[in-house]
Protein backbone atom coordinates (compact mmCIF):
# COMPACT_ATOMS: atom_id res chain seq x y z
CA MET A 1 12.32 2.63 -32.81
CA ARG A 2 8.98 3.02 -31.04
CA GLU A 3 7.03 6.17 -31.78
CA GLU A 4 6.54 8.45 -28.79
CA ASN A 5 3.33 10.19 -27.71
CA ILE A 6 0.98 7.81 -29.56
CA GLU A 7 -2.63 8.41 -28.53
CA ARG A 8 -3.57 5.57 -26.18
CA PHE A 9 -6.42 4.24 -24.07
CA SER A 10 -6.68 6.43 -20.98
CA ASP A 11 -9.63 5.46 -18.74
CA TYR A 12 -11.13 1.99 -18.32
CA SER A 13 -14.32 3.44 -16.80
CA LYS A 14 -15.31 5.23 -20.02
CA ILE A 15 -16.06 2.28 -22.30
CA ALA A 16 -19.53 2.79 -23.77
CA LYS A 17 -21.68 0.28 -25.68
CA ASP A 18 -20.96 2.09 -28.95
CA ASP A 19 -17.19 1.64 -28.55
CA HIS A 20 -15.32 -0.28 -31.28
CA TYR A 21 -13.78 -2.51 -28.60
CA TYR A 22 -16.68 -2.88 -26.15
CA LEU A 23 -16.92 -6.66 -26.63
CA VAL A 24 -13.31 -7.23 -25.62
CA TYR A 25 -13.06 -4.48 -23.00
CA LYS A 26 -16.22 -5.38 -21.07
CA PRO A 27 -15.10 -8.90 -19.98
CA LEU A 28 -11.43 -7.87 -19.74
CA ILE A 29 -12.23 -5.01 -17.35
CA LEU A 30 -14.47 -7.20 -15.18
CA ASP A 31 -11.74 -9.82 -14.82
CA LEU A 32 -9.03 -7.23 -14.17
CA GLU A 33 -11.19 -5.65 -11.45
CA TYR A 34 -11.67 -9.06 -9.85
CA ALA A 35 -7.94 -9.87 -9.97
CA VAL A 36 -6.88 -6.46 -8.65
CA LYS A 37 -9.36 -6.56 -5.76
CA LYS A 38 -8.30 -10.08 -4.78
CA TYR A 39 -4.54 -10.01 -5.32
CA ALA A 40 -3.10 -6.48 -5.59
CA GLY A 41 -0.88 -5.03 -2.89
CA ALA A 42 0.39 -1.69 -1.66
CA ARG A 43 3.23 -1.05 -4.14
CA VAL A 44 2.34 -1.58 -7.81
CA LEU A 45 4.37 -1.52 -11.01
CA ASP A 46 2.30 -1.05 -14.18
CA LEU A 47 4.51 -2.64 -16.83
CA GLY A 48 3.71 -1.13 -20.23
CA CYS A 49 1.54 1.47 -18.56
CA GLY A 50 0.83 3.83 -21.47
CA ASN A 51 -1.57 6.43 -20.07
CA LYS A 52 -2.23 4.34 -16.92
CA PRO A 53 -5.87 3.61 -17.88
CA TYR A 54 -6.33 1.16 -14.99
CA GLN A 55 -4.81 3.19 -12.16
CA GLY A 56 -8.28 3.95 -10.81
CA MET A 57 -8.82 0.23 -10.14
CA PHE A 58 -6.15 0.39 -7.47
CA ARG A 59 -7.73 3.25 -5.55
CA GLY A 60 -7.89 2.28 -1.88
CA ILE A 61 -5.47 -0.63 -2.47
CA ALA A 62 -2.18 0.77 -3.76
CA LYS A 63 -0.17 3.32 -1.81
CA GLU A 64 2.29 3.75 -4.68
CA TYR A 65 1.66 3.23 -8.41
CA VAL A 66 4.69 3.31 -10.72
CA GLY A 67 4.30 3.28 -14.50
CA CYS A 68 6.96 1.83 -16.78
CA ASP A 69 6.97 1.86 -20.60
CA VAL A 70 9.36 1.84 -23.54
CA VAL A 71 8.41 5.41 -24.59
CA GLN A 72 6.59 8.34 -23.03
CA SER A 73 2.80 8.26 -23.42
CA SER A 74 0.55 10.87 -25.04
CA MET A 75 -0.48 12.14 -21.58
CA ASN A 76 3.05 11.98 -20.10
CA LYS A 77 2.07 9.32 -17.56
CA VAL A 78 5.21 7.13 -17.77
CA ASP A 79 7.46 7.34 -14.70
CA VAL A 80 10.24 4.98 -15.81
CA ILE A 81 11.21 4.70 -19.50
CA CYS A 82 12.98 1.45 -20.37
CA GLU A 83 12.56 -1.87 -22.14
CA ALA A 84 10.19 -4.37 -20.49
CA THR A 85 12.99 -6.93 -20.62
CA ASN A 86 15.53 -4.74 -18.80
CA ILE A 87 13.79 -2.66 -16.16
CA THR A 88 15.95 -0.20 -14.26
CA LEU A 89 14.42 -0.88 -10.83
CA PRO A 90 15.70 -2.96 -7.88
CA ASP A 91 14.90 -6.60 -7.09
CA SER A 92 11.98 -7.52 -4.81
CA SER A 93 10.60 -3.99 -4.71
CA PHE A 94 6.90 -4.41 -5.60
CA ASP A 95 3.89 -6.23 -4.18
CA THR A 96 2.19 -6.36 -7.58
CA VAL A 97 3.36 -6.25 -11.19
CA PHE A 98 0.43 -5.41 -13.46
CA SER A 99 0.69 -5.69 -17.25
CA THR A 100 -2.22 -5.50 -19.68
CA GLN A 101 -2.11 -6.13 -23.43
CA VAL A 102 1.65 -5.63 -23.55
CA ILE A 103 3.18 -9.10 -23.62
CA GLU A 104 2.28 -9.70 -27.28
CA HIS A 105 4.37 -6.65 -28.23
CA VAL A 106 7.59 -7.86 -26.58
CA GLU A 107 9.90 -9.92 -28.77
CA ASP A 108 11.32 -11.86 -25.80
CA HIS A 109 8.12 -12.29 -23.80
CA GLN A 110 9.77 -14.72 -21.39
CA ALA A 111 12.29 -12.03 -20.44
CA LEU A 112 9.33 -9.81 -19.51
CA VAL A 113 8.00 -12.56 -17.24
CA ARG A 114 11.45 -13.03 -15.67
CA GLU A 115 11.64 -9.29 -14.97
CA ALA A 116 8.22 -9.38 -13.30
CA PHE A 117 9.42 -12.25 -11.09
CA ARG A 118 12.64 -10.41 -10.21
CA LEU A 119 10.84 -7.19 -9.28
CA LEU A 120 8.23 -8.84 -7.05
CA LYS A 121 8.65 -9.34 -3.35
CA PRO A 122 8.29 -12.94 -2.15
CA GLY A 123 4.57 -13.67 -2.08
CA GLY A 124 3.86 -10.89 -4.59
CA HIS A 125 1.51 -11.27 -7.54
CA PHE A 126 1.87 -10.83 -11.29
CA ILE A 127 -1.41 -9.84 -12.98
CA VAL A 128 -0.97 -10.10 -16.74
CA SER A 129 -3.36 -10.04 -19.68
CA GLY A 130 -2.89 -10.79 -23.35
CA PRO A 131 -4.83 -11.81 -26.46
CA MET A 132 -5.60 -15.14 -28.03
CA TYR A 133 -7.47 -13.39 -30.87
CA TRP A 134 -6.77 -9.90 -32.18
CA HIS A 135 -5.97 -8.28 -35.49
CA LEU A 136 -2.47 -7.03 -36.24
CA HIS A 137 -1.82 -3.78 -34.38
CA GLU A 138 1.08 -1.46 -33.51
CA GLU A 139 3.00 -3.05 -36.35
CA PRO A 140 5.73 -4.15 -36.67
CA HIS A 141 5.81 -4.60 -32.88
CA ASP A 142 3.15 -7.30 -32.73
CA PHE A 143 4.64 -10.74 -32.20
CA PHE A 144 2.48 -13.29 -30.34
CA ARG A 145 -0.95 -14.60 -29.36
CA PHE A 146 -1.40 -16.84 -26.29
CA THR A 147 -3.58 -19.78 -25.29
CA LYS A 148 -4.23 -20.41 -21.60
CA HIS A 149 -1.79 -23.32 -21.77
CA GLY A 150 0.89 -21.05 -23.23
CA PHE A 151 0.43 -18.53 -20.44
CA LYS A 152 0.62 -21.26 -17.81
CA TYR A 153 3.80 -22.63 -19.36
CA ILE A 154 5.72 -19.37 -19.57
CA LEU A 155 4.78 -18.25 -16.05
CA GLU A 156 5.64 -21.59 -14.47
CA LYS A 157 8.86 -21.85 -16.48
CA ASN A 158 9.98 -18.55 -14.96
CA GLY A 159 9.20 -19.41 -11.35
CA PHE A 160 5.57 -18.42 -10.82
CA THR A 161 2.81 -20.50 -9.29
CA VAL A 162 -0.24 -19.88 -11.46
CA LEU A 163 -3.28 -19.16 -9.30
CA GLU A 164 -5.94 -18.25 -11.86
CA ILE A 165 -6.46 -18.04 -15.63
CA LEU A 166 -9.58 -16.11 -16.60
CA SER A 167 -11.08 -16.19 -20.11
CA ASN A 168 -12.27 -12.71 -21.05
CA GLY A 169 -15.46 -13.38 -22.97
CA GLY A 170 -16.62 -16.37 -24.99
CA LYS A 171 -17.20 -17.34 -28.61
CA TRP A 172 -20.15 -14.99 -29.20
CA ALA A 173 -18.25 -11.92 -28.01
CA LEU A 174 -15.38 -12.95 -30.27
CA ILE A 175 -17.70 -13.32 -33.28
CA GLY A 176 -19.18 -9.88 -32.64
CA GLN A 177 -15.72 -8.32 -32.41
CA VAL A 178 -14.66 -10.03 -35.64
CA ILE A 179 -17.74 -8.57 -37.37
CA ILE A 180 -16.77 -5.07 -36.23
CA HIS A 181 -13.19 -5.67 -37.39
CA THR A 182 -14.40 -7.04 -40.75
CA MET A 183 -17.29 -4.85 -41.91
CA PRO A 184 -16.73 -1.82 -44.19
CA ALA A 185 -15.38 1.27 -42.46
CA ARG A 186 -18.45 3.32 -43.45
CA LEU A 187 -20.59 1.02 -41.28
CA VAL A 188 -18.16 0.72 -38.41
CA ARG A 189 -17.97 4.51 -38.15
CA LEU A 190 -21.69 4.59 -37.29
CA LYS A 191 -22.30 4.57 -33.53
CA LEU A 192 -25.74 3.01 -34.00
CA TYR A 193 -24.26 0.10 -35.96
CA ARG A 194 -21.62 -0.53 -33.28
CA THR A 195 -24.22 -0.31 -30.53
CA ILE A 196 -26.47 -2.87 -32.27
CA VAL A 197 -23.64 -5.36 -32.88
CA ASN A 198 -22.26 -4.94 -29.35
CA SER A 199 -25.70 -5.34 -27.77
CA ILE A 200 -26.62 -8.46 -29.73
CA PHE A 201 -23.35 -10.31 -29.22
CA SER A 202 -22.97 -9.26 -25.59
CA TYR A 203 -26.42 -10.75 -24.95
CA LEU A 204 -25.59 -13.96 -26.84
CA ASP A 205 -22.29 -14.30 -25.01
CA LYS A 206 -24.01 -14.03 -21.64
CA LYS A 207 -26.84 -16.43 -22.57
CA TYR A 208 -24.75 -19.05 -24.40
CA TYR A 209 -21.34 -18.59 -22.81
CA ASN A 210 -18.57 -20.88 -24.03
CA ASP A 211 -14.93 -19.85 -23.68
CA PHE A 212 -13.34 -22.51 -25.90
CA ASN A 213 -12.77 -19.62 -28.30
CA THR A 214 -12.03 -16.45 -26.37
CA MET A 215 -10.38 -13.17 -27.28
CA ASN A 216 -8.21 -12.72 -24.23
CA TYR A 217 -6.93 -13.99 -20.88
CA VAL A 218 -6.14 -12.49 -17.50
CA VAL A 219 -3.60 -14.59 -15.60
CA VAL A 220 -2.47 -14.32 -11.99
CA GLY A 221 0.85 -15.75 -10.88
CA LYS A 222 2.38 -15.74 -7.40
CA LYS A 223 6.08 -15.49 -6.56
CA VAL A 224 6.60 -18.39 -4.19
CA VAL A 225 10.14 -18.58 -2.86
CA LYS A 226 10.97 -22.07 -1.62
């Protein structure tokens, strides 16, 4: 049973340099903004929406934004409560299915991808993100990590044409995030410490970017009906 009303991320625009997760959120948000601007349509389903932290990205693009999750969120933002593998909405009813950092928490992740395909109109886009590196979280509902090849496989297997796979940050950002995850809690609680680590490794990641070891991916698939 999933616990209801867990405090969750609520606004992508409020990530500061002293945030615990700045090094993963900064590149993730940039790539999500790019994907939304390029591919999103008028009717959007946020699959695993939580508190709908990314709804503001769709301002001026989406005319309707529907949030779906397995339990109600701490800010009561969920419109449709159901499993991600059995969504109680009609076929071909959305231009965009948007799902961030949810797929690793679904036991049957391919069923989630099939549901996204079913719910999209022909020509619609699935914008999905998920981790390659992250510590255990929301246990015991934490099942998978994905390479870019794994994402490509599961989307194509379930009917999508993969248009783009974006690595969210490189090896230096990952190292910095591992340091924050690893150091003693008394240090990590200090905003100055977090700011220093985030600043150094954000700079190194930009200067010596290499995504062979990344934390996360944003993937865009298109529903092409032949």
